[in-house]
Structures are given as structure tokens and as C-alpha cells.
């Protein structure tokens, strides 16, 4: 019986070919758009998802734009529960023109790389980067986007720290995990600090944030309290939070945009659901006589309902399947163009399941009313339509 229902459903799908093709195209575009929008949302949270539970970010309690004295580092190391301490400064340099934006940081390479084992670097490149005070370490995707190679000299125009800054690429790192950001640019904090001391001495020996490694990720809240208590009532009080909370703080600043994208993704599904429901209603009306004939031949009303439902699900399976398949090349193309905005722009497994569920939901909802009406049709009324 199941084989009969499926065979008849697929034949019915193609009976009105133009309508079927238009419906499939609409379904394909809707599921593709839904997948792309959900990928954008996932990309927005990628930094938070990649955060480690064994790292804290300690910054100035007043605002991120205010710095902290480098001398805080030694006091941080002495706090119970802390395993390692490093620091970083947001540099804000521009490569050639502003559209080439990418994250660039001045860091303490030995301690920083020890805290980020997800950055995979060849041993010889790591050694060269650590030795060269003017050296830079760049992500694989960033290097590919600009055609950089080991030994190339890159000039960044400073914004926060004015002037032209020359760096020599000594290493290119790869991400250990799929969601590791490979679009970052790192160089020596001491190189930055030396130039700042020579030009603006009062801005020297300060850092933007401290990165604090924990012995036990479960102690994050306790260690955060200890750190902030250590510097309470000082000239530069601190605010310590997990790396994930720190990243989510940036996402919260654009939360309205994220909510709007999520809303649009669901509106797309609602629109195609209405289109699909209209298509199934038209198909069911055209086959009223056929459904009545089936009932007259002794087929149960449930079979008639299953025919309508199977036809709807078959259309959604074909259209949705094409939309899901096209999501991969579409995301790859968009990711290449927006790599400076979304360092990680990959189709997540959760997105594929959401697309599949959306396609199935469209098929079920669109067929609900037509199937119910087909099941309730009277044989006499249906056969009268033939005459």
C-alpha cells in the first residue's frame, strides 16, 4: 500500500509540470534563503562558540577603551587558580584601505600562544616569529585573501597608534577546530610598546586586556571574583569574565540586527508555506473526482488523505533537498566575500537539520486542510463533478 501511495504521489507531483516547477523553485529559494540566514546568525556567535572555558578576559572596569598597567600581570599570576597570564592590545591598523578590515593585535607571543593551542603553527615558523621583534603571525584565510607568503613585508596604517607600521610575516597558523578564527593578525606587543614609549611615553607600558588561563574551568566565577577584588579601589579597577561572556558582550551590541535576521528567516518559511498551501489546495480541487472514484472503489478515506500528504511532502523533499544542496556553494561564495566580517562562515549541522525540519513542516502544514477535505468528500458530490 505504501508503494502505491508513493508512486501515485510522485506522478501527481508532475501532472501539472509548470506549476510543479514553479513550486519547486520557490521551495528551493526559500530553503536556501533560510539556510543562509541561519548561517549568518551562527557566524555572529562563532567567536563565542569557539571560546575556551579555561580562559578569562580581564579588562578595565570602566570601559574597554581604557587600558590597564602591564604591572598587573605579576599580581594576576599570584592569584590562586591562575595557571598562565598573557596580554593583548587591539591595534586597529588598516591594510591599504579600510575595506580590507581584519582583526590585528599586539600580543606577548610566548605566553599568548601557550594559551591558544588551537592555533596550529609549524615549529620553524613559530621559532621565527618568536625571534623576530618585527615579525607577524597571520591566519591561513587572511594570508590567502591577500596573497601573503612567509617573508612578505606588510604595512599597516595605524589609527589608535598613528604612523605606518611594517611587519614581516614569519608564520601562518591554521585552526585546530572548524570554528577557529583564521582571519587574525598578531605581532609583538614589545615592538608596539617601544615605539609608543619613544613617541608618547605616558601611553607606554599599558595593555588592552589580560588573558588569564585557569587551572580548572569550573572555577571561572571564583577566580574572576578574586581578580576583581585584588584591584578594587585601585586607579584602574578590573572586570573579569569568561572568554565566552566577553565575546557575547560584542554580540549583544548588535543583538537587534541578529533578532531581525532570525525574524526574516522565519518569515521566509511562512511565505513559502502559504504558497505551498495554495498549490496543494488547487491540486486537491482538480482531483476531487479522482478521490471520489477511489472511495467508490472501496479505498479508505485515510488513503485519500495520505495521497495528498505524500504529494505535498514529495514536492517539499525535492525543493528542500535542492535548497539544502545549494546552501554549501552559496555559503562558500559568501564566506569568501565577507571573510573580514565573518571569520567563520560554514554550514553547521544544526542548520541542515533546521532546513530539513522547515521543509517537512511546510509539507505537513500545506497538506493539512486539503487532505482533511479530501478525506471528507462524499462520493456522490465527487462523482457529480465528473458529469
Protein backbone atom coordinates (compact mmCIF):
# COMPACT_ATOMS: atom_id res chain seq x y z
CA UNK A 1 0.00 0.00 0.00
CA UNK A 2 2.84 2.38 0.86
CA UNK A 3 4.45 1.74 -2.50
CA UNK A 4 1.15 2.54 -4.25
CA UNK A 5 0.76 5.82 -2.33
CA UNK A 6 4.32 6.93 -3.10
CA UNK A 7 4.07 6.04 -6.78
CA UNK A 8 0.80 7.91 -7.20
CA UNK A 9 2.13 10.89 -5.20
CA UNK A 10 5.17 11.32 -7.44
CA UNK A 11 3.02 11.01 -10.58
CA UNK A 12 0.63 13.64 -9.23
CA UNK A 13 3.57 15.98 -8.50
CA UNK A 14 4.45 16.16 -12.17
CA UNK A 15 0.94 16.17 -13.61
CA UNK A 16 0.91 19.98 -13.90
CA UNK A 17 4.56 20.46 -14.80
CA UNK A 18 4.73 24.25 -14.98
CA UNK A 19 3.08 24.65 -11.59
CA UNK A 20 5.29 21.94 -10.14
CA UNK A 21 8.47 23.59 -11.46
CA UNK A 22 7.45 27.00 -10.11
CA UNK A 23 6.60 25.49 -6.73
CA UNK A 24 9.91 23.61 -6.62
CA UNK A 25 11.78 26.80 -7.50
CA UNK A 26 10.01 28.69 -4.73
CA UNK A 27 10.72 25.95 -2.20
CA UNK A 28 14.36 25.77 -3.27
CA UNK A 29 14.87 29.53 -2.93
CA UNK A 30 13.05 29.66 0.42
CA UNK A 31 15.02 26.80 1.98
CA UNK A 32 18.26 28.22 0.57
CA UNK A 33 17.48 31.68 1.97
CA UNK A 34 16.52 30.16 5.32
CA UNK A 35 19.81 28.25 5.46
CA UNK A 36 21.88 31.32 4.55
CA UNK A 37 20.16 33.48 7.16
CA UNK A 38 20.62 30.81 9.86
CA UNK A 39 24.29 30.57 8.85
CA UNK A 40 24.66 34.33 9.29
CA UNK A 41 23.21 34.02 12.80
CA UNK A 42 25.56 31.13 13.60
CA UNK A 43 28.51 33.13 12.24
CA UNK A 44 27.59 36.01 14.54
CA UNK A 45 28.01 33.69 17.53
CA UNK A 46 31.04 31.80 16.18
CA UNK A 47 33.50 33.71 18.37
CA UNK A 48 31.57 32.84 21.50
CA UNK A 49 31.17 29.21 20.42
CA UNK A 50 34.93 28.90 19.91
CA UNK A 51 35.74 30.36 23.34
CA UNK A 52 37.52 28.19 25.88
CA UNK A 53 36.10 27.61 29.36
CA UNK A 54 39.65 27.80 30.73
CA UNK A 55 40.32 31.40 29.71
CA UNK A 56 39.23 34.64 31.37
CA UNK A 57 39.42 38.13 29.92
CA UNK A 58 40.34 40.87 32.38
CA UNK A 59 39.78 44.45 31.21
CA UNK A 60 39.33 47.91 32.67
CA UNK A 61 36.06 48.04 34.62
CA UNK A 62 35.22 51.49 33.26
CA UNK A 63 35.33 50.59 29.58
CA UNK A 64 37.23 48.50 27.11
CA UNK A 65 38.71 51.66 25.61
CA UNK A 66 40.70 52.29 28.81
CA UNK A 67 43.90 50.33 29.35
CA UNK A 68 45.46 48.50 32.29
CA UNK A 69 49.06 48.76 33.58
CA UNK A 70 51.32 45.93 32.42
CA UNK A 71 52.43 45.61 36.05
CA UNK A 72 49.08 43.95 36.81
CA UNK A 73 50.41 40.83 35.11
CA UNK A 74 52.63 39.77 38.00
CA UNK A 75 49.82 40.22 40.52
CA UNK A 76 47.49 38.17 38.33
CA UNK A 77 49.95 35.28 38.23
CA UNK A 78 49.96 35.14 42.02
CA UNK A 79 46.17 34.67 42.30
CA UNK A 80 45.02 31.20 43.29
CA UNK A 81 43.57 29.22 40.40
CA UNK A 82 45.52 31.07 37.68
CA UNK A 83 47.84 28.95 35.54
CA UNK A 84 49.03 31.42 32.89
CA UNK A 85 48.73 35.11 32.09
CA UNK A 86 49.15 36.94 28.79
CA UNK A 87 48.01 40.24 27.36
CA UNK A 88 46.93 41.89 24.12
CA UNK A 89 46.25 45.30 22.62
CA UNK A 90 43.74 45.95 19.87
CA UNK A 91 45.85 47.74 17.23
CA UNK A 92 43.21 48.79 14.71
CA UNK A 93 45.63 49.01 11.78
CA UNK A 94 44.42 49.40 8.19
CA UNK A 95 45.95 47.48 5.30
CA UNK A 96 45.98 49.70 2.16
CA UNK A 97 42.32 50.76 2.52
CA UNK A 98 39.56 50.45 5.10
CA UNK A 99 37.59 47.80 3.21
CA UNK A 100 40.44 45.36 3.96
CA UNK A 101 39.47 45.29 7.64
CA UNK A 102 40.73 42.41 9.77
CA UNK A 103 41.45 41.94 13.47
CA UNK A 104 45.04 42.83 14.38
CA UNK A 105 46.50 42.56 17.88
CA UNK A 106 49.76 43.29 19.64
CA UNK A 107 50.43 40.30 21.91
CA UNK A 108 53.12 38.72 24.02
CA UNK A 109 53.86 35.78 21.70
CA UNK A 110 55.27 33.14 24.12
CA UNK A 111 52.52 33.43 26.72
CA UNK A 112 49.75 34.15 24.22
CA UNK A 113 50.39 31.12 22.02
CA UNK A 114 50.62 28.93 25.12
CA UNK A 115 47.06 29.98 25.98
CA UNK A 116 45.75 29.32 22.45
CA UNK A 117 46.71 25.75 21.50
CA UNK A 118 44.03 25.83 18.79
CA UNK A 119 46.43 27.90 16.67
CA UNK A 120 48.50 25.31 14.84
CA UNK A 121 51.88 26.60 13.63
CA UNK A 122 54.87 24.80 12.11
CA UNK A 123 57.75 24.66 14.60
CA UNK A 124 60.18 26.57 12.39
CA UNK A 125 57.59 29.31 11.77
CA UNK A 126 56.83 29.56 15.48
CA UNK A 127 60.52 29.95 16.27
CA UNK A 128 60.99 32.59 13.58
CA UNK A 129 58.01 34.57 14.87
CA UNK A 130 59.24 34.45 18.46
CA UNK A 131 62.75 35.60 17.46
CA UNK A 132 61.81 38.50 15.20
CA UNK A 133 60.59 41.53 17.17
CA UNK A 134 59.08 42.90 13.93
CA UNK A 135 57.58 39.56 12.92
CA UNK A 136 53.88 38.83 12.42
CA UNK A 137 51.72 35.73 12.67
CA UNK A 138 48.66 35.60 10.40
CA UNK A 139 45.74 33.24 9.89
CA UNK A 140 45.58 30.94 6.89
CA UNK A 141 42.40 32.51 5.44
CA UNK A 142 43.73 36.04 5.90
CA UNK A 143 47.00 35.17 4.17
CA UNK A 144 45.15 33.52 1.29
CA UNK A 145 42.82 36.50 0.85
CA UNK A 146 45.70 38.95 0.46
CA UNK A 147 48.19 36.59 -1.19
CA UNK A 148 50.70 36.86 1.66
CA UNK A 149 53.59 34.43 2.00
CA UNK A 150 56.26 33.78 4.60
CA UNK A 151 58.83 36.57 4.43
CA UNK A 152 56.49 39.20 2.92
CA UNK A 153 56.54 42.68 4.42
CA UNK A 154 53.10 44.06 5.34
CA UNK A 155 52.50 47.71 6.19
CA UNK A 156 49.58 48.68 8.42
CA UNK A 157 48.47 52.26 8.83
CA UNK A 158 47.82 52.91 12.48
CA UNK A 159 44.62 54.53 13.74
CA UNK A 160 44.85 54.19 17.51
CA UNK A 161 48.64 54.28 17.22
CA UNK A 162 49.38 56.67 14.31
CA UNK A 163 52.02 56.08 11.69
CA UNK A 164 52.97 53.34 9.24
CA UNK A 165 53.99 50.08 10.87
CA UNK A 166 55.98 47.49 8.94
CA UNK A 167 55.78 43.80 9.78
CA UNK A 168 57.42 40.72 8.31
CA UNK A 169 55.25 37.62 8.08
CA UNK A 170 57.08 34.87 9.96
CA UNK A 171 54.24 32.41 10.46
CA UNK A 172 50.86 31.35 9.10
CA UNK A 173 48.64 29.45 11.52
CA UNK A 174 45.78 27.06 10.90
CA UNK A 175 42.83 26.42 13.16
CA UNK A 176 42.70 23.17 15.06
CA UNK A 177 38.91 23.30 15.12
CA UNK A 178 36.38 24.20 12.42
CA UNK A 179 35.27 27.34 14.25
CA UNK A 180 38.77 28.68 14.95
CA UNK A 181 39.22 32.18 13.56
CA UNK A 182 41.84 32.11 10.77
CA UNK A 183 41.50 35.78 9.86
CA UNK A 184 43.62 37.39 12.58
CA UNK A 185 46.94 39.24 12.53
CA UNK A 186 49.29 39.12 15.55
CA UNK A 187 52.56 40.92 16.22
CA UNK A 188 54.85 41.63 19.18
CA UNK A 189 53.49 43.86 21.94
CA UNK A 190 57.04 44.86 22.87
CA UNK A 191 57.57 46.26 19.36
CA UNK A 192 54.47 48.41 19.80
CA UNK A 193 55.41 49.43 23.32
CA UNK A 194 58.91 50.54 22.34
CA UNK A 195 57.62 52.91 19.66
CA UNK A 196 54.86 54.23 21.91
CA UNK A 197 57.39 54.91 24.68
CA UNK A 198 59.52 56.90 22.27
CA UNK A 199 56.63 58.98 20.93
CA UNK A 200 54.03 59.16 23.74
CA UNK A 201 55.68 57.93 26.98
CA UNK A 202 52.52 58.27 29.07
CA UNK A 203 50.77 55.65 26.89
CA UNK A 204 53.57 53.11 27.27
CA UNK A 205 53.51 50.01 29.48
CA UNK A 206 49.74 49.61 29.18
CA UNK A 207 47.66 46.78 27.73
CA UNK A 208 44.12 46.49 26.48
CA UNK A 209 43.20 43.18 28.13
CA UNK A 210 44.82 40.39 30.09
CA UNK A 211 44.10 36.81 29.08
CA UNK A 212 44.08 34.62 32.17
CA UNK A 213 44.45 30.85 31.93
CA UNK A 214 42.68 28.76 34.57
CA UNK A 215 43.77 25.52 36.16
CA UNK A 216 40.12 24.44 36.34
CA UNK A 217 37.42 25.89 34.10
CA UNK A 218 34.86 25.22 36.82
CA UNK A 219 36.49 27.89 38.99
CA UNK A 220 35.94 30.70 36.47
CA UNK A 221 33.46 32.64 38.60
CA UNK A 222 35.54 32.27 41.77
CA UNK A 223 38.81 33.31 40.12
CA UNK A 224 37.06 36.26 38.44
CA UNK A 225 35.94 37.49 41.87
CA UNK A 226 39.45 37.10 43.26
CA UNK A 227 40.96 39.08 40.39
CA UNK A 228 38.49 41.96 40.64
CA UNK A 229 38.82 42.03 44.45
CA UNK A 230 42.61 42.29 44.05
CA UNK A 231 42.30 45.54 42.09
CA UNK A 232 39.26 47.05 43.79
CA UNK A 233 39.71 50.72 44.76
CA UNK A 234 42.80 51.00 42.55
CA UNK A 235 43.28 53.65 39.86
CA UNK A 236 42.32 51.06 37.24
CA UNK A 237 39.75 48.63 38.59
CA UNK A 238 39.16 45.45 36.62
CA UNK A 239 36.25 43.48 35.25
CA UNK A 240 36.93 39.79 34.66
CA UNK A 241 34.65 37.45 32.74
CA UNK A 242 34.87 34.23 30.80
CA UNK A 243 36.06 34.45 27.22
CA UNK A 244 32.60 33.41 26.04
CA UNK A 245 30.89 36.15 28.07
CA UNK A 246 33.40 38.65 26.69
CA UNK A 247 32.58 37.64 23.12
CA UNK A 248 28.84 37.66 23.77
CA UNK A 249 29.20 41.22 25.01
CA UNK A 250 30.11 42.27 21.47
CA UNK A 251 27.20 40.26 20.05
CA UNK A 252 24.82 41.97 22.48
CA UNK A 253 25.72 45.33 20.95
CA UNK A 254 24.20 44.17 17.66
CA UNK A 255 21.50 41.94 19.13
CA UNK A 256 18.73 43.86 17.34
CA UNK A 257 20.31 43.01 13.99
CA UNK A 258 20.58 39.34 14.94
CA UNK A 259 16.94 39.24 16.04
CA UNK A 260 15.88 40.91 12.79
CA UNK A 261 17.76 38.29 10.74
CA UNK A 262 16.17 35.49 12.75
CA UNK A 263 12.71 37.01 12.23
CA UNK A 264 13.27 37.33 8.48
CA UNK A 265 14.36 33.69 8.26
CA UNK A 266 11.05 32.55 9.79
CA UNK A 267 9.02 34.97 7.67
CA UNK A 268 10.55 33.38 4.55
CA UNK A 269 9.27 29.99 5.72
CA UNK A 270 5.80 31.36 6.47
CA UNK A 271 5.55 32.92 3.00
CA UNK A 272 6.52 29.75 1.14
CA UNK A 273 4.21 27.79 3.44
CA UNK A 274 1.29 29.95 2.24
CA UNK A 275 2.35 29.49 -1.39
CA UNK A 276 2.64 25.74 -0.92
CA UNK A 277 -0.75 25.55 0.80
CA UNK A 278 -2.36 27.32 -2.17
CA UNK A 279 -0.66 24.90 -4.57
CA UNK A 280 -1.94 21.86 -2.69
CA UNK A 281 -5.44 23.32 -2.41
CA UNK A 282 -5.55 23.81 -6.20
CA UNK A 283 -4.27 20.29 -6.81
CA UNK A 284 -6.80 18.78 -4.42
CA UNK A 285 -9.72 20.62 -6.06
CA UNK A 286 -8.66 19.39 -9.50
CA UNK A 287 -8.66 15.79 -8.28
CA UNK A 288 -11.96 15.82 -6.43
CA UNK A 289 -13.49 13.37 -8.89
CA UNK A 290 -10.49 11.05 -8.65
CA UNK A 291 -10.67 10.94 -4.87
CA UNK A 292 -14.40 10.19 -5.04
CA UNK A 293 -13.74 7.40 -7.52
CA UNK A 294 -11.16 5.86 -5.19
CA UNK A 295 -13.69 5.91 -2.38
CA UNK A 296 -16.32 4.36 -4.66
CA UNK A 297 -13.88 1.55 -5.43
CA UNK A 298 -13.56 0.82 -1.72
CA UNK A 299 -10.43 2.68 -0.74
CA UNK A 300 -10.50 4.08 2.79
CA UNK A 301 -10.68 7.88 3.33
CA UNK A 302 -7.32 7.67 5.10
CA UNK A 303 -5.69 6.55 1.83
CA UNK A 304 -7.04 9.63 0.06
CA UNK A 305 -5.62 11.84 2.81
CA UNK A 306 -2.24 10.10 2.60
CA UNK A 307 -2.14 10.71 -1.16
CA UNK A 308 -2.48 14.47 -0.63
CA UNK A 309 0.04 14.46 2.21
CA UNK A 310 2.55 12.34 0.28
CA UNK A 311 2.32 14.63 -2.75
CA UNK A 312 3.00 17.68 -0.58
CA UNK A 313 5.92 16.02 1.21
CA UNK A 314 7.38 14.81 -2.09
CA UNK A 315 7.38 18.34 -3.52
CA UNK A 316 8.95 19.70 -0.33
CA UNK A 317 11.54 16.93 -0.29
CA UNK A 318 12.64 17.73 -3.84
CA UNK A 319 12.57 21.52 -3.46
CA UNK A 320 14.03 21.45 0.03
CA UNK A 321 16.73 18.98 -0.98
CA UNK A 322 17.86 21.24 -3.82
CA UNK A 323 17.86 24.23 -1.47
CA UNK A 324 19.99 22.37 1.07
CA UNK A 325 22.47 21.25 -1.59
CA UNK A 326 22.83 24.79 -2.92
CA UNK A 327 23.47 26.12 0.60
CA UNK A 328 27.03 24.77 0.60
CA UNK A 329 28.36 26.53 -2.53
CA UNK A 330 26.36 29.67 -1.66
CA UNK A 331 27.89 29.85 1.83
CA UNK A 332 31.35 29.19 0.40
CA UNK A 333 30.98 32.08 -2.05
CA UNK A 334 29.57 34.44 0.59
CA UNK A 335 32.25 33.43 3.09
CA UNK A 336 34.99 34.35 0.62
CA UNK A 337 33.48 37.80 0.09
CA UNK A 338 32.70 38.50 3.75
CA UNK A 339 35.68 36.82 5.39
CA UNK A 340 36.72 40.08 7.04
CA UNK A 341 33.29 40.38 8.72
CA UNK A 342 32.54 36.71 9.41
CA UNK A 343 35.80 34.83 10.10
CA UNK A 344 33.85 31.56 10.30
CA UNK A 345 31.04 31.16 7.75
CA UNK A 346 30.38 27.44 7.46
CA UNK A 347 27.13 25.50 7.25
CA UNK A 348 26.57 23.96 10.66
CA UNK A 349 24.95 20.57 11.15
CA UNK A 350 22.23 22.29 13.18
CA UNK A 351 21.43 24.49 10.18
CA UNK A 352 20.96 21.45 7.94
CA UNK A 353 18.58 19.90 10.47
CA UNK A 354 16.67 23.20 10.69
CA UNK A 355 16.34 23.32 6.90
CA UNK A 356 15.13 19.72 6.82
CA UNK A 357 12.63 20.38 9.60
CA UNK A 358 11.42 23.54 7.83
CA UNK A 359 10.84 21.64 4.57
CA UNK A 360 8.96 18.88 6.38
CA UNK A 361 6.86 21.41 8.31
CA UNK A 362 5.94 23.22 5.10
CA UNK A 363 4.82 19.93 3.53
CA UNK A 364 2.73 18.91 6.54
CA UNK A 365 1.05 22.27 7.13
CA UNK A 366 0.37 22.88 3.41
CA UNK A 367 -1.34 19.50 3.04
CA UNK A 368 -3.34 19.52 6.29
CA UNK A 369 -6.52 21.27 5.09
CA UNK A 370 -6.59 19.79 1.54
CA UNK A 371 -6.06 16.29 2.95
CA UNK A 372 -8.82 16.76 5.52
CA UNK A 373 -11.23 17.96 2.84
CA UNK A 374 -10.30 15.10 0.51
CA UNK A 375 -10.98 12.58 3.27
CA UNK A 376 -14.41 14.09 3.98
CA UNK A 377 -15.58 14.39 0.37
CA UNK A 378 -18.78 12.49 -0.38
CA UNK A 379 -18.70 10.02 -3.25
CA UNK A 380 -21.90 11.42 -4.79
CA UNK A 381 -20.60 15.00 -4.72
CA UNK A 382 -17.27 13.96 -6.17
CA UNK A 383 -18.79 11.92 -9.00
CA UNK A 384 -21.21 14.72 -9.77
CA UNK A 385 -18.18 16.86 -10.62
CA UNK A 386 -17.34 14.39 -13.40
CA UNK A 387 -20.69 14.97 -15.03
